[in-house]
C-alpha cells in the first residue's frame, strides 16, 4: 500500500521497510518486491539478485524471470547464460510470457542452450499467444530461417 499510495501517502521508504520485514520471514512475494526495489530504485543488482533468487527458489515466476535476466546480462553477478536459461525455463513452465520470449531468444542465438530455431519458434508462439508483440515480431524474423 505504501509503495503505490493506496489508502496511505506513497512512501517508498516505508514500503521497503515492510517488504523487508516480510521478506526476511520468507514471504516469496515480498522477496520479489525487495528485488524490484533494489534493481529499479536503488540500482543495487547484487542485492536485487539475492532477493530475486530467494523468491525464485520458492516458485515465483516473476522472480525466476528477473533472476534469469540479471544472470543473462551479468548485472551485479557473473554473467551466466546456462543458469539464466534454467531460471527462464522454470518460469516458462508456469506460462510466463516474458520468460518464454527470453528463452526463445536464447535458443535462437544459442546462448546457454544449443541453437534451436524450432524450440525458439515454439516459445515465441506461446508468448505471442499471450499478446507479447515482440514475440510476434521474432516469429516473422525466424520464418526465413
Protein backbone atom coordinates (compact mmCIF):
# COMPACT_ATOMS: atom_id res chain seq x y z
CA UNK A 1 0.00 0.00 0.00
CA UNK A 2 2.85 2.38 0.80
CA UNK A 3 4.57 1.55 -2.49
CA UNK A 4 1.54 2.57 -4.55
CA UNK A 5 -0.01 5.10 -2.16
CA UNK A 6 -3.20 3.10 -1.75
CA UNK A 7 -5.08 4.33 1.33
CA UNK A 8 -1.90 5.92 2.70
CA UNK A 9 0.53 8.52 1.36
CA UNK A 10 3.00 6.96 -1.07
CA UNK A 11 6.25 6.29 0.76
CA UNK A 12 8.99 4.10 -0.76
CA UNK A 13 10.99 4.07 2.48
CA UNK A 14 8.06 2.68 4.48
CA UNK A 15 7.21 0.26 1.66
CA UNK A 16 10.76 -1.06 1.68
CA UNK A 17 10.70 -1.37 5.48
CA UNK A 18 7.54 -3.54 5.39
CA UNK A 19 8.66 -5.58 2.38
CA UNK A 20 11.93 -6.28 4.19
CA UNK A 21 10.15 -7.48 7.34
CA UNK A 22 8.04 -9.91 5.31
CA UNK A 23 10.94 -10.92 3.03
CA UNK A 24 13.13 -11.81 5.99
CA UNK A 25 10.35 -14.11 7.18
CA UNK A 26 10.44 -15.98 3.87
CA UNK A 27 7.47 -14.37 2.07
CA UNK A 28 8.19 -15.01 -1.65
CA UNK A 29 6.22 -12.04 -2.98
CA UNK A 30 7.90 -9.66 -0.54
CA UNK A 31 11.30 -11.07 -1.56
CA UNK A 32 10.37 -10.42 -5.19
CA UNK A 33 9.41 -6.82 -4.34
CA UNK A 34 12.69 -6.34 -2.47
CA UNK A 35 14.45 -7.45 -5.66
CA UNK A 36 12.44 -4.88 -7.61
CA UNK A 37 13.29 -2.15 -5.09
CA UNK A 38 16.98 -2.89 -5.39
CA UNK A 39 17.03 -3.30 -9.18
CA UNK A 40 14.88 -0.29 -10.05
CA UNK A 41 15.21 2.40 -7.45
CA UNK A 42 18.40 1.62 -5.61
CA UNK A 43 20.26 0.15 -8.61
CA UNK A 44 21.95 -2.46 -6.41
CA UNK A 45 21.89 -5.55 -8.61
CA UNK A 46 23.80 -7.69 -6.11
CA UNK A 47 21.04 -7.22 -3.53
CA UNK A 48 18.36 -7.46 -6.21
CA UNK A 49 19.78 -10.81 -7.34
CA UNK A 50 19.86 -12.05 -3.75
CA UNK A 51 16.18 -11.27 -3.18
CA UNK A 52 15.02 -12.44 -6.61
CA UNK A 53 16.84 -15.73 -6.05
CA UNK A 54 15.15 -16.29 -2.68
CA UNK A 55 11.75 -15.67 -4.25
CA UNK A 56 12.56 -17.68 -7.40
CA UNK A 57 13.53 -20.69 -5.30
CA UNK A 58 10.01 -20.58 -3.84
CA UNK A 59 8.48 -20.72 -7.32
CA UNK A 60 7.68 -17.05 -8.02
CA UNK A 61 7.65 -16.87 -11.84
CA UNK A 62 8.29 -13.11 -11.96
CA UNK A 63 11.33 -13.56 -9.72
CA UNK A 64 12.52 -16.50 -11.85
CA UNK A 65 12.33 -14.25 -14.91
CA UNK A 66 14.14 -11.42 -13.14
CA UNK A 67 16.98 -13.58 -11.80
CA UNK A 68 17.30 -15.05 -15.29
CA UNK A 69 17.58 -11.56 -16.75
CA UNK A 70 20.18 -10.48 -14.18
CA UNK A 71 22.23 -13.62 -14.88
CA UNK A 72 21.90 -13.22 -18.65
CA UNK A 73 23.01 -9.58 -18.53
CA UNK A 74 25.62 -10.06 -15.80
CA UNK A 75 24.24 -7.21 -13.68
CA UNK A 76 25.84 -7.38 -10.25
CA UNK A 77 26.68 -11.04 -10.79
CA UNK A 78 28.90 -13.03 -13.13
CA UNK A 79 27.18 -13.41 -16.49
CA UNK A 80 25.89 -16.98 -16.69
CA UNK A 81 23.81 -17.93 -19.73
CA UNK A 82 23.37 -21.53 -18.56
CA UNK A 83 21.81 -20.51 -15.24
CA UNK A 84 19.75 -17.80 -16.93
CA UNK A 85 18.27 -20.40 -19.28
CA UNK A 86 17.44 -22.65 -16.33
CA UNK A 87 15.60 -19.88 -14.48
CA UNK A 88 13.76 -18.75 -17.60
CA UNK A 89 12.78 -22.39 -18.10
CA UNK A 90 11.33 -22.57 -14.60
CA UNK A 91 9.12 -19.57 -15.32
CA UNK A 92 8.22 -20.89 -18.80
CA UNK A 93 6.74 -23.96 -17.13
CA UNK A 94 4.37 -21.60 -15.33
CA UNK A 95 3.33 -19.89 -18.58
CA UNK A 96 5.33 -16.68 -18.01
CA UNK A 97 5.25 -14.84 -21.37
CA UNK A 98 8.36 -12.69 -20.88
CA UNK A 99 10.33 -15.81 -19.95
CA UNK A 100 9.01 -17.63 -23.00
CA UNK A 101 10.31 -14.77 -25.11
CA UNK A 102 13.66 -14.56 -23.28
CA UNK A 103 14.29 -18.30 -23.52
CA UNK A 104 13.22 -18.20 -27.16
CA UNK A 105 15.87 -15.55 -27.79
CA UNK A 106 18.47 -17.73 -26.07
CA UNK A 107 17.53 -20.68 -28.31
CA UNK A 108 17.65 -18.50 -31.42
CA UNK A 109 21.17 -17.34 -30.53
CA UNK A 110 22.49 -20.49 -28.84
CA UNK A 111 23.15 -18.78 -25.50
CA UNK A 112 23.12 -21.17 -22.54
CA UNK A 113 21.35 -23.74 -24.71
CA UNK A 114 22.02 -25.30 -28.11
CA UNK A 115 20.90 -23.13 -31.02
CA UNK A 116 17.47 -24.49 -31.95
CA UNK A 117 15.16 -22.44 -34.16
CA UNK A 118 12.34 -24.97 -33.75
CA UNK A 119 12.40 -24.55 -29.96
CA UNK A 120 12.68 -20.76 -30.32
CA UNK A 121 9.63 -20.65 -32.59
CA UNK A 122 7.68 -22.83 -30.16
CA UNK A 123 8.46 -20.44 -27.30
CA UNK A 124 7.80 -17.30 -29.35
CA UNK A 125 4.40 -18.74 -30.35
CA UNK A 126 3.47 -19.33 -26.71
CA UNK A 127 4.46 -15.75 -25.83
CA UNK A 128 2.68 -14.34 -28.89
CA UNK A 129 -0.50 -16.20 -27.94
CA UNK A 130 -0.40 -14.24 -24.68
CA UNK A 131 -0.21 -10.98 -26.62
CA UNK A 132 3.52 -10.28 -26.45
CA UNK A 133 4.07 -8.23 -29.62
CA UNK A 134 7.86 -8.59 -29.64
CA UNK A 135 7.36 -12.37 -29.81
CA UNK A 136 5.19 -11.91 -32.90
CA UNK A 137 8.00 -9.87 -34.49
CA UNK A 138 10.55 -12.60 -33.72
CA UNK A 139 8.29 -15.17 -35.34
CA UNK A 140 8.34 -13.11 -38.53
CA UNK A 141 12.13 -12.85 -38.38
CA UNK A 142 12.54 -16.60 -37.88
CA UNK A 143 10.18 -17.52 -40.73
CA UNK A 144 13.08 -17.24 -43.13
CA UNK A 145 15.37 -19.42 -41.03
